[in-house]
Amino acid sequence: MAEKRMLIINAEVARKVDENRGDMSYSEFFNFLIDRQLEEEDKEHDHNYVDKEEFHQFAVGMKELLRNFLEFFLSYGLELGKQPQDKTFEELSQKLQALGRSGNKTKNH
């Protein structure tokens, strides 16, 4: 037979246990709650978080996607014969160059 211990709890907690345990004994109910909580924590750990490497790969991928988009946007504008006369074109060109530099840095790390 399993060793038994006494657990002293607040009267309000005891009332909630009695209202929700149904046909389970106190021990069965507490075991159920503890097991359920531990399962939830395992699920949260597995599915709601990314590790440092996963986040780094995501950031590198997003920078590459943005760089490709800017490159396409700029080259498409040039192919249509648009001259780079405004500040927007110059800003995009600078961002593209900056992304190219930061992309090279992240590949080395």
N, C-alpha and C. Protein backbone atom coordinates (compact mmCIF):
# COMPACT_ATOMS: atom_id res chain seq x y z
N MET A 1 0.83 -1.18 0.00
CA MET A 1 0.00 0.00 0.00
C MET A 1 0.88 1.25 0.00
N ALA A 2 0.46 2.29 -0.73
CA ALA A 2 1.25 3.50 -0.86
C ALA A 2 1.24 4.30 0.43
N GLU A 3 2.34 4.97 0.68
CA GLU A 3 2.45 5.81 1.86
C GLU A 3 1.50 7.00 1.70
N LYS A 4 0.84 7.37 2.78
CA LYS A 4 -0.11 8.48 2.74
C LYS A 4 0.43 9.64 3.53
N ARG A 5 0.14 10.84 3.04
CA ARG A 5 0.54 12.08 3.70
C ARG A 5 -0.67 13.00 3.80
N MET A 6 -0.60 13.95 4.68
CA MET A 6 -1.67 14.92 4.85
C MET A 6 -1.27 16.21 4.15
N LEU A 7 -2.23 16.81 3.46
CA LEU A 7 -2.00 18.06 2.76
C LEU A 7 -2.98 19.08 3.32
N ILE A 8 -2.48 20.16 3.84
CA ILE A 8 -3.33 21.21 4.39
C ILE A 8 -3.49 22.29 3.33
N ILE A 9 -4.74 22.57 2.98
CA ILE A 9 -5.03 23.57 1.95
C ILE A 9 -6.06 24.56 2.46
N ASN A 10 -6.15 25.67 1.84
CA ASN A 10 -7.11 26.71 2.14
C ASN A 10 -8.53 26.16 1.94
N ALA A 11 -9.47 26.62 2.73
CA ALA A 11 -10.86 26.14 2.65
C ALA A 11 -11.46 26.43 1.28
N GLU A 12 -11.11 27.55 0.67
CA GLU A 12 -11.63 27.90 -0.66
C GLU A 12 -11.11 26.91 -1.70
N VAL A 13 -9.86 26.52 -1.59
CA VAL A 13 -9.28 25.54 -2.52
C VAL A 13 -9.97 24.20 -2.33
N ALA A 14 -10.21 23.81 -1.09
CA ALA A 14 -10.90 22.54 -0.82
C ALA A 14 -12.30 22.56 -1.43
N ARG A 15 -12.99 23.69 -1.35
CA ARG A 15 -14.33 23.82 -1.94
C ARG A 15 -14.26 23.65 -3.46
N LYS A 16 -13.27 24.28 -4.09
CA LYS A 16 -13.11 24.15 -5.55
C LYS A 16 -12.81 22.72 -5.95
N VAL A 17 -11.97 22.04 -5.16
CA VAL A 17 -11.65 20.64 -5.43
C VAL A 17 -12.92 19.81 -5.36
N ASP A 18 -13.69 20.00 -4.29
CA ASP A 18 -14.93 19.22 -4.12
C ASP A 18 -15.91 19.48 -5.26
N GLU A 19 -15.98 20.72 -5.74
CA GLU A 19 -16.91 21.05 -6.82
C GLU A 19 -16.50 20.44 -8.16
N ASN A 20 -15.21 20.17 -8.34
CA ASN A 20 -14.72 19.77 -9.65
C ASN A 20 -14.18 18.35 -9.76
N ARG A 21 -14.02 17.63 -8.67
CA ARG A 21 -13.38 16.32 -8.75
C ARG A 21 -14.32 15.20 -9.16
N GLY A 22 -15.61 15.45 -9.13
CA GLY A 22 -16.56 14.43 -9.54
C GLY A 22 -16.43 13.18 -8.69
N ASP A 23 -16.28 12.00 -9.34
CA ASP A 23 -16.17 10.73 -8.63
C ASP A 23 -14.74 10.39 -8.23
N MET A 24 -13.78 11.25 -8.58
CA MET A 24 -12.39 10.98 -8.25
C MET A 24 -12.13 11.22 -6.77
N SER A 25 -11.19 10.45 -6.23
CA SER A 25 -10.75 10.74 -4.86
C SER A 25 -9.87 11.99 -4.90
N TYR A 26 -9.58 12.51 -3.71
CA TYR A 26 -8.69 13.68 -3.68
C TYR A 26 -7.35 13.36 -4.33
N SER A 27 -6.79 12.21 -4.03
CA SER A 27 -5.49 11.83 -4.59
C SER A 27 -5.56 11.71 -6.11
N GLU A 28 -6.60 11.07 -6.60
CA GLU A 28 -6.75 10.93 -8.05
C GLU A 28 -6.88 12.29 -8.72
N PHE A 29 -7.66 13.16 -8.10
CA PHE A 29 -7.87 14.49 -8.67
C PHE A 29 -6.58 15.30 -8.70
N PHE A 30 -5.83 15.29 -7.59
CA PHE A 30 -4.56 16.03 -7.57
C PHE A 30 -3.56 15.44 -8.57
N ASN A 31 -3.51 14.13 -8.67
CA ASN A 31 -2.64 13.50 -9.67
C ASN A 31 -3.04 13.93 -11.08
N PHE A 32 -4.34 13.93 -11.33
CA PHE A 32 -4.85 14.35 -12.64
C PHE A 32 -4.42 15.78 -12.96
N LEU A 33 -4.62 16.69 -11.99
CA LEU A 33 -4.26 18.10 -12.21
C LEU A 33 -2.76 18.28 -12.44
N ILE A 34 -1.97 17.59 -11.66
CA ILE A 34 -0.52 17.71 -11.80
C ILE A 34 -0.06 17.16 -13.15
N ASP A 35 -0.55 15.98 -13.51
CA ASP A 35 -0.18 15.40 -14.81
C ASP A 35 -0.60 16.31 -15.96
N ARG A 36 -1.79 16.84 -15.87
CA ARG A 36 -2.32 17.73 -16.92
C ARG A 36 -1.45 18.97 -17.06
N GLN A 37 -1.08 19.56 -15.93
CA GLN A 37 -0.25 20.77 -15.95
C GLN A 37 1.12 20.47 -16.56
N LEU A 38 1.71 19.35 -16.20
CA LEU A 38 3.02 19.00 -16.75
C LEU A 38 2.94 18.74 -18.25
N GLU A 39 1.86 18.13 -18.71
CA GLU A 39 1.67 17.91 -20.15
C GLU A 39 1.57 19.24 -20.89
N GLU A 40 0.82 20.18 -20.32
CA GLU A 40 0.66 21.50 -20.94
C GLU A 40 2.00 22.22 -21.03
N GLU A 41 2.81 22.13 -19.97
CA GLU A 41 4.12 22.78 -19.99
C GLU A 41 5.01 22.18 -21.06
N ASP A 42 4.94 20.84 -21.23
CA ASP A 42 5.73 20.18 -22.27
C ASP A 42 5.28 20.64 -23.65
N LYS A 43 3.97 20.75 -23.87
CA LYS A 43 3.45 21.19 -25.16
C LYS A 43 3.88 22.62 -25.45
N GLU A 44 3.80 23.50 -24.45
CA GLU A 44 4.21 24.89 -24.65
C GLU A 44 5.69 24.96 -24.99
N HIS A 45 6.49 24.17 -24.31
CA HIS A 45 7.93 24.20 -24.56
C HIS A 45 8.26 23.73 -25.97
N ASP A 46 7.53 22.73 -26.43
CA ASP A 46 7.82 22.17 -27.75
C ASP A 46 7.33 23.04 -28.89
N HIS A 47 6.25 23.79 -28.71
CA HIS A 47 5.61 24.42 -29.85
C HIS A 47 5.59 25.94 -29.84
N ASN A 48 5.81 26.59 -28.72
CA ASN A 48 5.65 28.03 -28.68
C ASN A 48 6.95 28.82 -28.68
N TYR A 49 8.06 28.13 -28.68
CA TYR A 49 9.33 28.83 -28.60
C TYR A 49 10.28 28.34 -29.68
N VAL A 50 11.16 29.24 -30.08
CA VAL A 50 12.21 28.85 -31.01
C VAL A 50 13.54 29.07 -30.30
N ASP A 51 14.52 28.30 -30.69
CA ASP A 51 15.82 28.50 -30.07
C ASP A 51 16.59 29.57 -30.84
N LYS A 52 17.74 29.91 -30.33
CA LYS A 52 18.55 30.99 -30.90
C LYS A 52 18.91 30.72 -32.35
N GLU A 53 19.30 29.49 -32.65
CA GLU A 53 19.70 29.14 -34.02
C GLU A 53 18.52 29.26 -34.99
N GLU A 54 17.33 28.80 -34.58
CA GLU A 54 16.14 28.91 -35.44
C GLU A 54 15.81 30.36 -35.72
N PHE A 55 15.90 31.19 -34.68
CA PHE A 55 15.61 32.62 -34.87
C PHE A 55 16.65 33.25 -35.79
N HIS A 56 17.90 32.89 -35.62
CA HIS A 56 18.96 33.43 -36.46
C HIS A 56 18.72 33.05 -37.93
N GLN A 57 18.38 31.80 -38.18
CA GLN A 57 18.10 31.36 -39.55
C GLN A 57 16.90 32.11 -40.14
N PHE A 58 15.88 32.35 -39.32
CA PHE A 58 14.71 33.11 -39.77
C PHE A 58 15.13 34.54 -40.14
N ALA A 59 15.92 35.18 -39.29
CA ALA A 59 16.36 36.56 -39.56
C ALA A 59 17.19 36.63 -40.84
N VAL A 60 18.09 35.68 -41.02
CA VAL A 60 18.91 35.65 -42.24
C VAL A 60 18.01 35.47 -43.47
N GLY A 61 17.05 34.57 -43.37
CA GLY A 61 16.13 34.34 -44.48
C GLY A 61 15.30 35.57 -44.82
N MET A 62 14.84 36.28 -43.78
CA MET A 62 14.04 37.49 -44.02
C MET A 62 14.89 38.59 -44.67
N LYS A 63 16.13 38.74 -44.21
CA LYS A 63 17.01 39.74 -44.83
C LYS A 63 17.27 39.40 -46.29
N GLU A 64 17.48 38.13 -46.57
CA GLU A 64 17.72 37.70 -47.95
C GLU A 64 16.48 37.95 -48.82
N LEU A 65 15.31 37.65 -48.28
CA LEU A 65 14.07 37.90 -49.00
C LEU A 65 13.89 39.39 -49.28
N LEU A 66 14.14 40.23 -48.29
CA LEU A 66 14.02 41.68 -48.48
C LEU A 66 15.04 42.17 -49.50
N ARG A 67 16.26 41.67 -49.40
CA ARG A 67 17.30 42.07 -50.35
C ARG A 67 16.90 41.69 -51.77
N ASN A 68 16.39 40.47 -51.95
CA ASN A 68 15.95 40.03 -53.28
C ASN A 68 14.80 40.88 -53.80
N PHE A 69 13.88 41.22 -52.92
CA PHE A 69 12.76 42.06 -53.33
C PHE A 69 13.24 43.44 -53.76
N LEU A 70 14.11 44.05 -52.95
CA LEU A 70 14.63 45.37 -53.31
C LEU A 70 15.42 45.32 -54.61
N GLU A 71 16.22 44.27 -54.76
CA GLU A 71 17.00 44.11 -55.98
C GLU A 71 16.08 44.00 -57.20
N PHE A 72 15.03 43.20 -57.07
CA PHE A 72 14.07 43.06 -58.16
C PHE A 72 13.38 44.40 -58.46
N PHE A 73 12.94 45.06 -57.41
CA PHE A 73 12.24 46.33 -57.55
C PHE A 73 13.11 47.37 -58.26
N LEU A 74 14.37 47.45 -57.83
CA LEU A 74 15.27 48.43 -58.44
C LEU A 74 15.59 48.06 -59.89
N SER A 75 15.89 46.79 -60.16
CA SER A 75 16.23 46.40 -61.53
C SER A 75 15.02 46.51 -62.44
N TYR A 76 13.82 46.23 -61.95
CA TYR A 76 12.61 46.35 -62.75
C TYR A 76 12.39 47.80 -63.13
N GLY A 77 12.61 48.71 -62.18
CA GLY A 77 12.47 50.14 -62.48
C GLY A 77 13.47 50.59 -63.52
N LEU A 78 14.69 50.10 -63.45
CA LEU A 78 15.71 50.49 -64.42
C LEU A 78 15.39 49.93 -65.80
N GLU A 79 14.86 48.70 -65.85
CA GLU A 79 14.52 48.10 -67.14
C GLU A 79 13.39 48.86 -67.83
N LEU A 80 12.51 49.48 -67.05
CA LEU A 80 11.42 50.26 -67.64
C LEU A 80 11.90 51.63 -68.10
N GLY A 81 13.18 51.91 -67.88
CA GLY A 81 13.74 53.17 -68.35
C GLY A 81 13.59 54.30 -67.37
N LYS A 82 13.19 54.01 -66.16
CA LYS A 82 13.06 55.06 -65.15
C LYS A 82 14.45 55.44 -64.66
N GLN A 83 14.68 56.71 -64.64
CA GLN A 83 15.97 57.21 -64.18
C GLN A 83 15.94 57.42 -62.66
N PRO A 84 17.01 57.05 -61.99
CA PRO A 84 17.07 57.21 -60.53
C PRO A 84 17.27 58.66 -60.13
N GLN A 85 16.16 59.43 -60.16
CA GLN A 85 16.27 60.86 -59.90
C GLN A 85 15.78 61.26 -58.50
N ASP A 86 14.94 60.46 -57.91
CA ASP A 86 14.39 60.90 -56.63
C ASP A 86 15.10 60.27 -55.44
N LYS A 87 14.80 60.77 -54.25
CA LYS A 87 15.45 60.29 -53.02
C LYS A 87 15.05 58.86 -52.70
N THR A 88 13.84 58.46 -53.05
CA THR A 88 13.36 57.11 -52.74
C THR A 88 14.26 56.06 -53.38
N PHE A 89 14.60 56.26 -54.64
CA PHE A 89 15.48 55.32 -55.34
C PHE A 89 16.83 55.24 -54.64
N GLU A 90 17.36 56.39 -54.29
CA GLU A 90 18.67 56.44 -53.62
C GLU A 90 18.61 55.73 -52.26
N GLU A 91 17.52 55.95 -51.50
CA GLU A 91 17.37 55.30 -50.20
C GLU A 91 17.28 53.78 -50.36
N LEU A 92 16.51 53.34 -51.34
CA LEU A 92 16.38 51.90 -51.57
C LEU A 92 17.72 51.29 -51.98
N SER A 93 18.45 51.99 -52.78
CA SER A 93 19.76 51.50 -53.20
C SER A 93 20.70 51.38 -52.00
N GLN A 94 20.66 52.36 -51.11
CA GLN A 94 21.51 52.29 -49.91
C GLN A 94 21.09 51.14 -49.00
N LYS A 95 19.77 50.93 -48.87
CA LYS A 95 19.28 49.82 -48.05
C LYS A 95 19.71 48.48 -48.64
N LEU A 96 19.67 48.39 -49.96
CA LEU A 96 20.09 47.16 -50.62
C LEU A 96 21.56 46.89 -50.35
N GLN A 97 22.38 47.92 -50.43
CA GLN A 97 23.81 47.75 -50.16
C GLN A 97 24.04 47.37 -48.70
N ALA A 98 23.28 47.98 -47.77
CA ALA A 98 23.42 47.66 -46.35
C ALA A 98 23.00 46.22 -46.08
N LEU A 99 21.93 45.77 -46.72
CA LEU A 99 21.48 44.39 -46.54
C LEU A 99 22.50 43.41 -47.10
N GLY A 100 23.13 43.78 -48.18
CA GLY A 100 24.16 42.92 -48.75
C GLY A 100 25.33 42.77 -47.80
N ARG A 101 25.70 43.86 -47.14
CA ARG A 101 26.80 43.81 -46.18
C ARG A 101 26.41 43.00 -44.95
N SER A 102 25.19 43.22 -44.41
CA SER A 102 24.78 42.49 -43.20
C SER A 102 24.57 41.01 -43.51
N GLY A 103 24.15 40.69 -44.73
CA GLY A 103 23.99 39.29 -45.13
C GLY A 103 25.31 38.57 -45.15
N ASN A 104 26.36 39.27 -45.61
CA ASN A 104 27.69 38.66 -45.63
C ASN A 104 28.22 38.44 -44.22
N LYS A 105 27.92 39.36 -43.31
CA LYS A 105 28.39 39.21 -41.94
C LYS A 105 27.74 38.02 -41.27
N THR A 106 26.43 37.84 -41.49
CA THR A 106 25.72 36.74 -40.82
C THR A 106 26.15 35.40 -41.36
N LYS A 107 26.59 35.33 -42.60
CA LYS A 107 27.03 34.04 -43.15
C LYS A 107 28.32 33.59 -42.53
N ASN A 108 29.14 34.55 -42.08
CA ASN A 108 30.42 34.21 -41.48
C ASN A 108 30.28 33.78 -40.04
N HIS A 109 29.17 34.09 -39.37
CA HIS A 109 29.00 33.80 -37.94
C HIS A 109 28.45 32.46 -37.71
